[in-house]
Amino acid sequence: MTKNEKHERLVREREEITARVARFKATQERFAREREQYATVTWAKAGKNERAE
């Protein structure tokens, strides 16, 4: 393997790692949004039930 081929392989690997990290971060942000939405809805329902009693 030539020096240029090694360099190209390393560049591709870094790009792949960067893409994986970006996907992971996006997934974590989506989970955080979903948790926040679930909590908001749950607290709203709890408040409605409390007032109805």
PDB file of N, CA and C in Angstrom:
ATOM      1  N   MET A   1       0.859  -1.174   0.000  1.00  0.00           N
ATOM      2  CA  MET A   1       0.000   0.000   0.000  1.00  0.00           C
ATOM      3  C   MET A   1       0.909   1.242   0.000  1.00  0.00           C
ATOM      4  N   THR A   2       0.620   2.112  -0.921  1.00  0.00           N
ATOM      5  CA  THR A   2       1.447   3.312  -1.025  1.00  0.00           C
ATOM      6  C   THR A   2       1.046   4.325   0.041  1.00  0.00           C
ATOM      7  N   LYS A   3       1.883   5.297   0.202  1.00  0.00           N
ATOM      8  CA  LYS A   3       1.620   6.349   1.186  1.00  0.00           C
ATOM      9  C   LYS A   3       0.326   7.090   0.842  1.00  0.00           C
ATOM     10  N   ASN A   4       0.096   7.339  -0.443  1.00  0.00           N
ATOM     11  CA  ASN A   4      -1.111   8.031  -0.887  1.00  0.00           C
ATOM     12  C   ASN A   4      -2.365   7.197  -0.601  1.00  0.00           C
ATOM     13  N   GLU A   5      -2.277   5.877  -0.824  1.00  0.00           N
ATOM     14  CA  GLU A   5      -3.412   4.991  -0.557  1.00  0.00           C
ATOM     15  C   GLU A   5      -3.738   4.970   0.938  1.00  0.00           C
ATOM     16  N   LYS A   6      -2.708   4.937   1.769  1.00  0.00           N
ATOM     17  CA  LYS A   6      -2.920   4.968   3.221  1.00  0.00           C
ATOM     18  C   LYS A   6      -3.604   6.270   3.627  1.00  0.00           C
ATOM     19  N   HIS A   7      -3.130   7.360   3.048  1.00  0.00           N
ATOM     20  CA  HIS A   7      -3.714   8.663   3.355  1.00  0.00           C
ATOM     21  C   HIS A   7      -5.193   8.695   2.945  1.00  0.00           C
ATOM     22  N   GLU A   8      -5.493   8.207   1.747  1.00  0.00           N
ATOM     23  CA  GLU A   8      -6.878   8.187   1.263  1.00  0.00           C
ATOM     24  C   GLU A   8      -7.754   7.313   2.161  1.00  0.00           C
ATOM     25  N   ARG A   9      -7.214   6.167   2.586  1.00  0.00           N
ATOM     26  CA  ARG A   9      -7.968   5.283   3.480  1.00  0.00           C
ATOM     27  C   ARG A   9      -8.269   5.987   4.801  1.00  0.00           C
ATOM     28  N   LEU A  10      -7.278   6.677   5.341  1.00  0.00           N
ATOM     29  CA  LEU A  10      -7.477   7.399   6.600  1.00  0.00           C
ATOM     30  C   LEU A  10      -8.515   8.507   6.440  1.00  0.00           C
ATOM     31  N   VAL A  11      -8.482   9.194   5.315  1.00  0.00           N
ATOM     32  CA  VAL A  11      -9.457  10.249   5.056  1.00  0.00           C
ATOM     33  C   VAL A  11     -10.871   9.651   5.008  1.00  0.00           C
ATOM     34  N   ARG A  12     -11.031   8.537   4.304  1.00  0.00           N
ATOM     35  CA  ARG A  12     -12.351   7.868   4.225  1.00  0.00           C
ATOM     36  C   ARG A  12     -12.820   7.424   5.606  1.00  0.00           C
ATOM     37  N   GLU A  13     -11.899   6.856   6.396  1.00  0.00           N
ATOM     38  CA  GLU A  13     -12.265   6.404   7.737  1.00  0.00           C
ATOM     39  C   GLU A  13     -12.700   7.577   8.619  1.00  0.00           C
ATOM     40  N   ARG A  14     -11.984   8.689   8.525  1.00  0.00           N
ATOM     41  CA  ARG A  14     -12.369   9.872   9.302  1.00  0.00           C
ATOM     42  C   ARG A  14     -13.737  10.383   8.876  1.00  0.00           C
ATOM     43  N   GLU A  15     -13.989  10.378   7.573  1.00  0.00           N
ATOM     44  CA  GLU A  15     -15.289  10.819   7.067  1.00  0.00           C
ATOM     45  C   GLU A  15     -16.402   9.907   7.575  1.00  0.00           C
ATOM     46  N   GLU A  16     -16.142   8.604   7.581  1.00  0.00           N
ATOM     47  CA  GLU A  16     -17.131   7.642   8.071  1.00  0.00           C
ATOM     48  C   GLU A  16     -17.389   7.861   9.567  1.00  0.00           C
ATOM     49  N   ILE A  17     -16.342   8.062  10.327  1.00  0.00           N
ATOM     50  CA  ILE A  17     -16.495   8.309  11.766  1.00  0.00           C
ATOM     51  C   ILE A  17     -17.278   9.596  12.000  1.00  0.00           C
ATOM     52  N   THR A  18     -16.951  10.625  11.247  1.00  0.00           N
ATOM     53  CA  THR A  18     -17.668  11.899  11.375  1.00  0.00           C
ATOM     54  C   THR A  18     -19.151  11.711  11.079  1.00  0.00           C
ATOM     55  N   ALA A  19     -19.462  10.953  10.035  1.00  0.00           N
ATOM     56  CA  ALA A  19     -20.862  10.698   9.682  1.00  0.00           C
ATOM     57  C   ALA A  19     -21.557   9.900  10.780  1.00  0.00           C
ATOM     58  N   ARG A  20     -20.889   8.907  11.331  1.00  0.00           N
ATOM     59  CA  ARG A  20     -21.492   8.101  12.406  1.00  0.00           C
ATOM     60  C   ARG A  20     -21.765   8.951  13.640  1.00  0.00           C
ATOM     61  N   VAL A  21     -20.818   9.804  13.992  1.00  0.00           N
ATOM     62  CA  VAL A  21     -20.994  10.684  15.152  1.00  0.00           C
ATOM     63  C   VAL A  21     -22.165  11.632  14.911  1.00  0.00           C
ATOM     64  N   ALA A  22     -22.273  12.156  13.699  1.00  0.00           N
ATOM     65  CA  ALA A  22     -23.381  13.064  13.372  1.00  0.00           C
ATOM     66  C   ALA A  22     -24.719  12.342  13.476  1.00  0.00           C
ATOM     67  N   ARG A  23     -24.787  11.104  12.981  1.00  0.00           N
ATOM     68  CA  ARG A  23     -26.043  10.329  13.089  1.00  0.00           C
ATOM     69  C   ARG A  23     -26.375  10.048  14.549  1.00  0.00           C
ATOM     70  N   PHE A  24     -25.363   9.676  15.334  1.00  0.00           N
ATOM     71  CA  PHE A  24     -25.584   9.399  16.748  1.00  0.00           C
ATOM     72  C   PHE A  24     -26.111  10.650  17.461  1.00  0.00           C
ATOM     73  N   LYS A  25     -25.483  11.788  17.189  1.00  0.00           N
ATOM     74  CA  LYS A  25     -25.908  13.039  17.812  1.00  0.00           C
ATOM     75  C   LYS A  25     -27.343  13.380  17.419  1.00  0.00           C
ATOM     76  N   ALA A  26     -27.675  13.205  16.157  1.00  0.00           N
ATOM     77  CA  ALA A  26     -29.046  13.482  15.697  1.00  0.00           C
ATOM     78  C   ALA A  26     -30.043  12.562  16.391  1.00  0.00           C
ATOM     79  N   THR A  27     -29.673  11.303  16.555  1.00  0.00           N
ATOM     80  CA  THR A  27     -30.558  10.359  17.238  1.00  0.00           C
ATOM     81  C   THR A  27     -30.750  10.762  18.697  1.00  0.00           C
ATOM     82  N   GLN A  28     -29.676  11.131  19.363  1.00  0.00           N
ATOM     83  CA  GLN A  28     -29.777  11.545  20.758  1.00  0.00           C
ATOM     84  C   GLN A  28     -30.635  12.799  20.900  1.00  0.00           C
ATOM     85  N   GLU A  29     -30.502  13.729  19.967  1.00  0.00           N
ATOM     86  CA  GLU A  29     -31.324  14.948  20.011  1.00  0.00           C
ATOM     87  C   GLU A  29     -32.796  14.616  19.790  1.00  0.00           C
ATOM     88  N   ARG A  30     -33.072  13.665  18.875  1.00  0.00           N
ATOM     89  CA  ARG A  30     -34.461  13.243  18.640  1.00  0.00           C
ATOM     90  C   ARG A  30     -35.029  12.594  19.903  1.00  0.00           C
ATOM     91  N   PHE A  31     -34.253  11.730  20.552  1.00  0.00           N
ATOM     92  CA  PHE A  31     -34.714  11.105  21.789  1.00  0.00           C
ATOM     93  C   PHE A  31     -35.014  12.156  22.851  1.00  0.00           C
ATOM     94  N   ALA A  32     -34.171  13.156  22.960  1.00  0.00           N
ATOM     95  CA  ALA A  32     -34.376  14.217  23.948  1.00  0.00           C
ATOM     96  C   ALA A  32     -35.671  14.974  23.652  1.00  0.00           C
ATOM     97  N   ARG A  33     -35.920  15.281  22.381  1.00  0.00           N
ATOM     98  CA  ARG A  33     -37.163  15.971  22.008  1.00  0.00           C
ATOM     99  C   ARG A  33     -38.373  15.111  22.336  1.00  0.00           C
ATOM    100  N   GLU A  34     -38.284  13.813  22.029  1.00  0.00           N
ATOM    101  CA  GLU A  34     -39.403  12.905  22.299  1.00  0.00           C
ATOM    102  C   GLU A  34     -39.662  12.782  23.801  1.00  0.00           C
ATOM    103  N   ARG A  35     -38.593  12.710  24.602  1.00  0.00           N
ATOM    104  CA  ARG A  35     -38.768  12.643  26.064  1.00  0.00           C
ATOM    105  C   ARG A  35     -39.431  13.907  26.579  1.00  0.00           C
ATOM    106  N   GLU A  36     -38.985  15.052  26.083  1.00  0.00           N
ATOM    107  CA  GLU A  36     -39.557  16.330  26.513  1.00  0.00           C
ATOM    108  C   GLU A  36     -41.035  16.410  26.137  1.00  0.00           C
ATOM    109  N   GLN A  37     -41.360  15.984  24.926  1.00  0.00           N
ATOM    110  CA  GLN A  37     -42.760  16.007  24.481  1.00  0.00           C
ATOM    111  C   GLN A  37     -43.602  15.063  25.346  1.00  0.00           C
ATOM    112  N   TYR A  38     -43.089  13.869  25.609  1.00  0.00           N
ATOM    113  CA  TYR A  38     -43.812  12.912  26.442  1.00  0.00           C
ATOM    114  C   TYR A  38     -44.051  13.491  27.843  1.00  0.00           C
ATOM    115  N   ALA A  39     -43.027  14.107  28.417  1.00  0.00           N
ATOM    116  CA  ALA A  39     -43.163  14.686  29.754  1.00  0.00           C
ATOM    117  C   ALA A  39     -44.190  15.814  29.752  1.00  0.00           C
ATOM    118  N   THR A  40     -44.156  16.647  28.729  1.00  0.00           N
ATOM    119  CA  THR A  40     -45.108  17.756  28.640  1.00  0.00           C
ATOM    120  C   THR A  40     -46.536  17.230  28.569  1.00  0.00           C
ATOM    121  N   VAL A  41     -46.765  16.240  27.726  1.00  0.00           N
ATOM    122  CA  VAL A  41     -48.105  15.664  27.573  1.00  0.00           C
ATOM    123  C   VAL A  41     -48.540  14.984  28.870  1.00  0.00           C
ATOM    124  N   THR A  42     -47.639  14.248  29.478  1.00  0.00           N
ATOM    125  CA  THR A  42     -47.967  13.534  30.716  1.00  0.00           C
ATOM    126  C   THR A  42     -48.323  14.512  31.830  1.00  0.00           C
ATOM    127  N   TRP A  43     -47.535  15.588  31.981  1.00  0.00           N
ATOM    128  CA  TRP A  43     -47.839  16.588  33.012  1.00  0.00           C
ATOM    129  C   TRP A  43     -49.160  17.296  32.719  1.00  0.00           C
ATOM    130  N   ALA A  44     -49.442  17.533  31.446  1.00  0.00           N
ATOM    131  CA  ALA A  44     -50.714  18.179  31.087  1.00  0.00           C
ATOM    132  C   ALA A  44     -51.880  17.267  31.441  1.00  0.00           C
ATOM    133  N   LYS A  45     -51.760  15.982  31.157  1.00  0.00           N
ATOM    134  CA  LYS A  45     -52.818  15.028  31.499  1.00  0.00           C
ATOM    135  C   LYS A  45     -52.984  14.946  33.017  1.00  0.00           C
ATOM    136  N   ALA A  46     -51.885  14.932  33.739  1.00  0.00           N
ATOM    137  CA  ALA A  46     -51.946  14.856  35.197  1.00  0.00           C
ATOM    138  C   ALA A  46     -52.665  16.098  35.741  1.00  0.00           C
ATOM    139  N   GLY A  47     -52.392  17.254  35.166  1.00  0.00           N
ATOM    140  CA  GLY A  47     -53.047  18.478  35.602  1.00  0.00           C
ATOM    141  C   GLY A  47     -54.538  18.462  35.338  1.00  0.00           C
ATOM    142  N   LYS A  48     -54.955  17.901  34.207  1.00  0.00           N
ATOM    143  CA  LYS A  48     -56.380  17.789  33.884  1.00  0.00           C
ATOM    144  C   LYS A  48     -57.079  16.864  34.877  1.00  0.00           C
ATOM    145  N   ASN A  49     -56.451  15.732  35.188  1.00  0.00           N
ATOM    146  CA  ASN A  49     -57.043  14.790  36.125  1.00  0.00           C
ATOM    147  C   ASN A  49     -57.151  15.386  37.513  1.00  0.00           C
ATOM    148  N   GLU A  50     -56.184  16.173  37.910  1.00  0.00           N
ATOM    149  CA  GLU A  50     -56.177  16.786  39.239  1.00  0.00           C
ATOM    150  C   GLU A  50     -57.332  17.786  39.357  1.00  0.00           C
ATOM    151  N   ARG A  51     -57.576  18.565  38.316  1.00  0.00           N
ATOM    152  CA  ARG A  51     -58.649  19.555  38.329  1.00  0.00           C
ATOM    153  C   ARG A  51     -60.025  18.910  38.250  1.00  0.00           C
ATOM    154  N   ALA A  52     -60.123  17.745  37.618  1.00  0.00           N
ATOM    155  CA  ALA A  52     -61.403  17.073  37.427  1.00  0.00           C
ATOM    156  C   ALA A  52     -61.900  16.451  38.733  1.00  0.00           C
ATOM    157  N   GLU A  53     -61.014  16.181  39.652  1.00  0.00           N
ATOM    158  CA  GLU A  53     -61.415  15.497  40.900  1.00  0.00           C
ATOM    159  C   GLU A  53     -62.015  16.434  41.892  1.00  0.00           C
TER     160      GLU A  53
END
